[in-house]
Amino acid sequence: MSDMCIDVPGGIFNYRVGAIIQYDGKLLMAKNSGDDFYYTIGGRVKFGESARETICREALEETGLPLEVERLAFIHENFFTFEPENKKCHEICLFFEMKPHHKLKEIRQSFEEVYGEVGIHWLPISKLDEYKIYPEFFKKELATQDRSVQHIVSNRSV
């Protein structure tokens, strides 16, 4: 099955999912060695695969644990420039809170992607302002504990 990343006139449309994994007041984030920012565990939805199936598959691949979805938390419509091709990107990302798991302390330290090794990091939720993270709205929204599904639009393509 193909990833739901589609070239369109003028740019790229991307459909992905992200996992909100919390433990002991910390948020699980990933970081490539060549980048200066952190991002969520997750990935692109494959054609014919549901968003829930995708996040469970991606969480297992990237953490080594069979995590389950607690709830859909955010629908993020994100406009940005995709580097290094310098293409405009319109991305829809569904962020799911994952259920607590008794082995969260044992999550692997890194995983491999086509672009290299990705490290796993536990960032204190109370100190997210000190880190460069994507999505940026996590810095404010995760602290509020609002249990409704929120639709957030970000535009960094200007």
C-alpha atoms as a PDB file:
ATOM      1  CA  MET A   1       0.000   0.000   0.000  1.00  0.00           C
ATOM      2  CA  SER A   2       1.215   3.479  -0.836  1.00  0.00           C
ATOM      3  CA  ASP A   3       1.675   6.342   1.633  1.00  0.00           C
ATOM      4  CA  MET A   4      -0.912   9.099   1.387  1.00  0.00           C
ATOM      5  CA  CYS A   5       1.623  11.682   0.284  1.00  0.00           C
ATOM      6  CA  ILE A   6       0.554  13.063  -3.054  1.00  0.00           C
ATOM      7  CA  ASP A   7       2.265  15.492  -5.417  1.00  0.00           C
ATOM      8  CA  VAL A   8      -0.237  18.116  -6.522  1.00  0.00           C
ATOM      9  CA  PRO A   9       0.232  21.183  -8.706  1.00  0.00           C
ATOM     10  CA  GLY A  10       2.161  23.644  -6.561  1.00  0.00           C
ATOM     11  CA  GLY A  11       3.199  21.272  -3.814  1.00  0.00           C
ATOM     12  CA  ILE A  12       2.477  18.194  -1.735  1.00  0.00           C
ATOM     13  CA  PHE A  13      -0.551  16.926   0.180  1.00  0.00           C
ATOM     14  CA  ASN A  14       0.341  14.728   3.143  1.00  0.00           C
ATOM     15  CA  TYR A  15      -1.953  12.717   5.447  1.00  0.00           C
ATOM     16  CA  ARG A  16      -0.298  11.510   8.639  1.00  0.00           C
ATOM     17  CA  VAL A  17      -0.922  10.569  12.250  1.00  0.00           C
ATOM     18  CA  GLY A  18       0.946  11.345  15.451  1.00  0.00           C
ATOM     19  CA  ALA A  19       0.978   9.710  18.876  1.00  0.00           C
ATOM     20  CA  ILE A  20       0.657  11.585  22.146  1.00  0.00           C
ATOM     21  CA  ILE A  21       2.422   9.260  24.576  1.00  0.00           C
ATOM     22  CA  GLN A  22       2.697  10.531  28.136  1.00  0.00           C
ATOM     23  CA  TYR A  23       4.312   8.996  31.201  1.00  0.00           C
ATOM     24  CA  ASP A  24       5.192  10.451  34.583  1.00  0.00           C
ATOM     25  CA  GLY A  25       4.635  14.075  33.461  1.00  0.00           C
ATOM     26  CA  LYS A  26       6.693  13.622  30.297  1.00  0.00           C
ATOM     27  CA  LEU A  27       5.906  13.503  26.583  1.00  0.00           C
ATOM     28  CA  LEU A  28       7.573  11.023  24.243  1.00  0.00           C
ATOM     29  CA  MET A  29       9.131  12.733  21.223  1.00  0.00           C
ATOM     30  CA  ALA A  30      11.510  11.697  18.449  1.00  0.00           C
ATOM     31  CA  LYS A  31      14.491  13.567  17.006  1.00  0.00           C
ATOM     32  CA  ASN A  32      16.738  12.974  14.007  1.00  0.00           C
ATOM     33  CA  SER A  33      20.414  13.526  14.711  1.00  0.00           C
ATOM     34  CA  GLY A  34      20.646  16.084  11.873  1.00  0.00           C
ATOM     35  CA  ASP A  35      17.658  18.190  12.975  1.00  0.00           C
ATOM     36  CA  ASP A  36      17.295  20.776  15.731  1.00  0.00           C
ATOM     37  CA  PHE A  37      13.676  19.917  16.606  1.00  0.00           C
ATOM     38  CA  TYR A  38      11.588  17.162  18.183  1.00  0.00           C
ATOM     39  CA  TYR A  39       8.438  15.621  16.728  1.00  0.00           C
ATOM     40  CA  THR A  40       5.857  12.975  17.591  1.00  0.00           C
ATOM     41  CA  ILE A  41       6.044   9.272  16.972  1.00  0.00           C
ATOM     42  CA  GLY A  42       3.872   8.543  13.949  1.00  0.00           C
ATOM     43  CA  GLY A  43       3.878   8.599  10.194  1.00  0.00           C
ATOM     44  CA  ARG A  44       1.968   8.648   6.965  1.00  0.00           C
ATOM     45  CA  VAL A  45      -1.316   6.865   6.553  1.00  0.00           C
ATOM     46  CA  LYS A  46      -1.230   4.211   3.850  1.00  0.00           C
ATOM     47  CA  PHE A  47      -3.961   4.118   1.210  1.00  0.00           C
ATOM     48  CA  GLY A  48      -6.791   1.903   2.513  1.00  0.00           C
ATOM     49  CA  GLU A  49      -5.554   2.006   6.127  1.00  0.00           C
ATOM     50  CA  SER A  50      -7.521   3.789   8.861  1.00  0.00           C
ATOM     51  CA  ALA A  51      -5.848   6.473  10.953  1.00  0.00           C
ATOM     52  CA  ARG A  52      -6.238   4.286  14.079  1.00  0.00           C
ATOM     53  CA  GLU A  53      -4.615   1.325  12.339  1.00  0.00           C
ATOM     54  CA  THR A  54      -1.791   3.572  11.196  1.00  0.00           C
ATOM     55  CA  ILE A  55      -0.992   5.042  14.612  1.00  0.00           C
ATOM     56  CA  CYS A  56      -0.991   1.610  16.252  1.00  0.00           C
ATOM     57  CA  ARG A  57       1.306   0.246  13.518  1.00  0.00           C
ATOM     58  CA  GLU A  58       3.647   3.252  13.701  1.00  0.00           C
ATOM     59  CA  ALA A  59       3.747   3.199  17.518  1.00  0.00           C
ATOM     60  CA  LEU A  60       4.706  -0.477  17.499  1.00  0.00           C
ATOM     61  CA  GLU A  61       7.364   0.029  14.803  1.00  0.00           C
ATOM     62  CA  GLU A  62       8.913   3.036  16.546  1.00  0.00           C
ATOM     63  CA  THR A  63       8.605   2.160  20.257  1.00  0.00           C
ATOM     64  CA  GLY A  64       8.539  -1.625  20.213  1.00  0.00           C
ATOM     65  CA  LEU A  65       5.331  -1.633  22.307  1.00  0.00           C
ATOM     66  CA  PRO A  66       1.791  -2.580  21.196  1.00  0.00           C
ATOM     67  CA  LEU A  67       0.116   0.682  22.221  1.00  0.00           C
ATOM     68  CA  GLU A  68      -3.626   1.288  21.935  1.00  0.00           C
ATOM     69  CA  VAL A  69      -5.553   4.462  21.156  1.00  0.00           C
ATOM     70  CA  GLU A  70      -7.193   6.288  24.062  1.00  0.00           C
ATOM     71  CA  ARG A  71      -8.859   9.017  21.960  1.00  0.00           C
ATOM     72  CA  LEU A  72      -8.498  11.414  19.052  1.00  0.00           C
ATOM     73  CA  ALA A  73      -7.189  14.677  20.550  1.00  0.00           C
ATOM     74  CA  PHE A  74      -6.282  17.038  17.675  1.00  0.00           C
ATOM     75  CA  ILE A  75      -6.947  17.512  13.987  1.00  0.00           C
ATOM     76  CA  HIS A  76      -4.046  19.596  12.726  1.00  0.00           C
ATOM     77  CA  GLU A  77      -4.175  21.324   9.371  1.00  0.00           C
ATOM     78  CA  ASN A  78      -0.600  22.371   8.718  1.00  0.00           C
ATOM     79  CA  PHE A  79       0.770  24.537   5.911  1.00  0.00           C
ATOM     80  CA  PHE A  80       4.559  24.656   5.630  1.00  0.00           C
ATOM     81  CA  THR A  81       7.474  24.455   3.231  1.00  0.00           C
ATOM     82  CA  PHE A  82       8.871  20.933   2.876  1.00  0.00           C
ATOM     83  CA  GLU A  83      12.663  20.909   2.936  1.00  0.00           C
ATOM     84  CA  PRO A  84      14.990  20.229   1.200  1.00  0.00           C
ATOM     85  CA  GLU A  85      12.867  20.324  -1.964  1.00  0.00           C
ATOM     86  CA  ASN A  86      11.461  23.746  -0.983  1.00  0.00           C
ATOM     87  CA  LYS A  87       7.933  22.559  -1.832  1.00  0.00           C
ATOM     88  CA  LYS A  88       4.777  23.912  -0.246  1.00  0.00           C
ATOM     89  CA  CYS A  89       3.015  21.286   1.826  1.00  0.00           C
ATOM     90  CA  HIS A  90      -0.595  20.981   2.993  1.00  0.00           C
ATOM     91  CA  GLU A  91      -0.701  18.343   5.706  1.00  0.00           C
ATOM     92  CA  ILE A  92      -3.566  16.900   7.678  1.00  0.00           C
ATOM     93  CA  CYS A  93      -2.406  15.171  10.855  1.00  0.00           C
ATOM     94  CA  LEU A  94      -4.603  13.401  13.380  1.00  0.00           C
ATOM     95  CA  PHE A  95      -3.012  13.262  16.835  1.00  0.00           C
ATOM     96  CA  PHE A  96      -4.133  10.409  19.068  1.00  0.00           C
ATOM     97  CA  GLU A  97      -3.606  10.111  22.808  1.00  0.00           C
ATOM     98  CA  MET A  98      -2.359   6.608  23.470  1.00  0.00           C
ATOM     99  CA  LYS A  99      -3.433   4.493  26.468  1.00  0.00           C
ATOM    100  CA  PRO A 100      -0.907   4.121  29.281  1.00  0.00           C
ATOM    101  CA  HIS A 101       1.195   0.948  29.026  1.00  0.00           C
ATOM    102  CA  HIS A 102       2.956  -0.763  31.935  1.00  0.00           C
ATOM    103  CA  LYS A 103       6.203  -1.009  29.942  1.00  0.00           C
ATOM    104  CA  LEU A 104       6.526   2.644  28.854  1.00  0.00           C
ATOM    105  CA  LYS A 105       9.775   2.934  30.836  1.00  0.00           C
ATOM    106  CA  GLU A 106      11.209   0.218  28.574  1.00  0.00           C
ATOM    107  CA  ILE A 107      10.655   1.981  25.235  1.00  0.00           C
ATOM    108  CA  ARG A 108      13.613   1.521  22.908  1.00  0.00           C
ATOM    109  CA  GLN A 109      16.083   4.387  22.719  1.00  0.00           C
ATOM    110  CA  SER A 110      16.092   4.737  18.931  1.00  0.00           C
ATOM    111  CA  PHE A 111      14.736   3.328  15.674  1.00  0.00           C
ATOM    112  CA  GLU A 112      15.833   3.340  12.055  1.00  0.00           C
ATOM    113  CA  GLU A 113      14.216   5.269   9.235  1.00  0.00           C
ATOM    114  CA  VAL A 114      15.286   5.582   5.598  1.00  0.00           C
ATOM    115  CA  TYR A 115      17.016   8.881   6.481  1.00  0.00           C
ATOM    116  CA  GLY A 116      18.927   7.430   9.442  1.00  0.00           C
ATOM    117  CA  GLU A 117      18.687   6.752  13.149  1.00  0.00           C
ATOM    118  CA  VAL A 118      15.990   8.524  15.177  1.00  0.00           C
ATOM    119  CA  GLY A 119      16.388   9.008  18.915  1.00  0.00           C
ATOM    120  CA  ILE A 120      13.565   8.717  21.453  1.00  0.00           C
ATOM    121  CA  HIS A 121      13.321  11.406  24.152  1.00  0.00           C
ATOM    122  CA  TRP A 122      11.077  11.988  27.177  1.00  0.00           C
ATOM    123  CA  LEU A 123      10.503  15.755  27.476  1.00  0.00           C
ATOM    124  CA  PRO A 124       8.943  17.234  30.643  1.00  0.00           C
ATOM    125  CA  ILE A 125       5.496  18.567  29.700  1.00  0.00           C
ATOM    126  CA  SER A 126       5.927  21.461  32.146  1.00  0.00           C
ATOM    127  CA  LYS A 127       9.088  22.552  30.277  1.00  0.00           C
ATOM    128  CA  LEU A 128       8.048  22.134  26.629  1.00  0.00           C
ATOM    129  CA  ASP A 129       8.648  25.881  26.116  1.00  0.00           C
ATOM    130  CA  GLU A 130      12.375  25.152  26.440  1.00  0.00           C
ATOM    131  CA  TYR A 131      12.383  22.857  23.398  1.00  0.00           C
ATOM    132  CA  LYS A 132      11.844  23.315  19.689  1.00  0.00           C
ATOM    133  CA  ILE A 133       8.997  20.885  19.028  1.00  0.00           C
ATOM    134  CA  TYR A 134       6.499  20.232  16.279  1.00  0.00           C
ATOM    135  CA  PRO A 135       3.652  20.680  16.525  1.00  0.00           C
ATOM    136  CA  GLU A 136       4.295  23.892  18.421  1.00  0.00           C
ATOM    137  CA  PHE A 137       0.735  24.043  19.785  1.00  0.00           C
ATOM    138  CA  PHE A 138       1.550  21.120  22.114  1.00  0.00           C
ATOM    139  CA  LYS A 139       3.384  23.624  24.353  1.00  0.00           C
ATOM    140  CA  LYS A 140       0.073  25.257  25.293  1.00  0.00           C
ATOM    141  CA  GLU A 141      -2.603  22.685  24.531  1.00  0.00           C
ATOM    142  CA  LEU A 142      -1.181  19.665  26.368  1.00  0.00           C
ATOM    143  CA  ALA A 143      -1.062  21.634  29.612  1.00  0.00           C
ATOM    144  CA  THR A 144      -4.775  22.540  29.462  1.00  0.00           C
ATOM    145  CA  GLN A 145      -6.063  18.939  29.577  1.00  0.00           C
ATOM    146  CA  ASP A 146      -9.026  19.890  27.361  1.00  0.00           C
ATOM    147  CA  ARG A 147     -10.691  16.557  26.539  1.00  0.00           C
ATOM    148  CA  SER A 148     -12.569  17.771  23.434  1.00  0.00           C
ATOM    149  CA  VAL A 149     -11.228  17.118  19.930  1.00  0.00           C
ATOM    150  CA  GLN A 150      -9.611  20.331  18.746  1.00  0.00           C
ATOM    151  CA  HIS A 151      -9.067  21.515  15.178  1.00  0.00           C
ATOM    152  CA  ILE A 152      -5.897  23.581  14.887  1.00  0.00           C
ATOM    153  CA  VAL A 153      -4.564  25.337  11.791  1.00  0.00           C
ATOM    154  CA  SER A 154      -0.898  26.313  11.504  1.00  0.00           C
ATOM    155  CA  ASN A 155       0.668  28.233   8.647  1.00  0.00           C
ATOM    156  CA  ARG A 156       4.459  28.377   8.445  1.00  0.00           C
ATOM    157  CA  SER A 157       4.622  28.607   4.632  1.00  0.00           C
ATOM    158  CA  VAL A 158       4.945  32.409   4.440  1.00  0.00           C
END
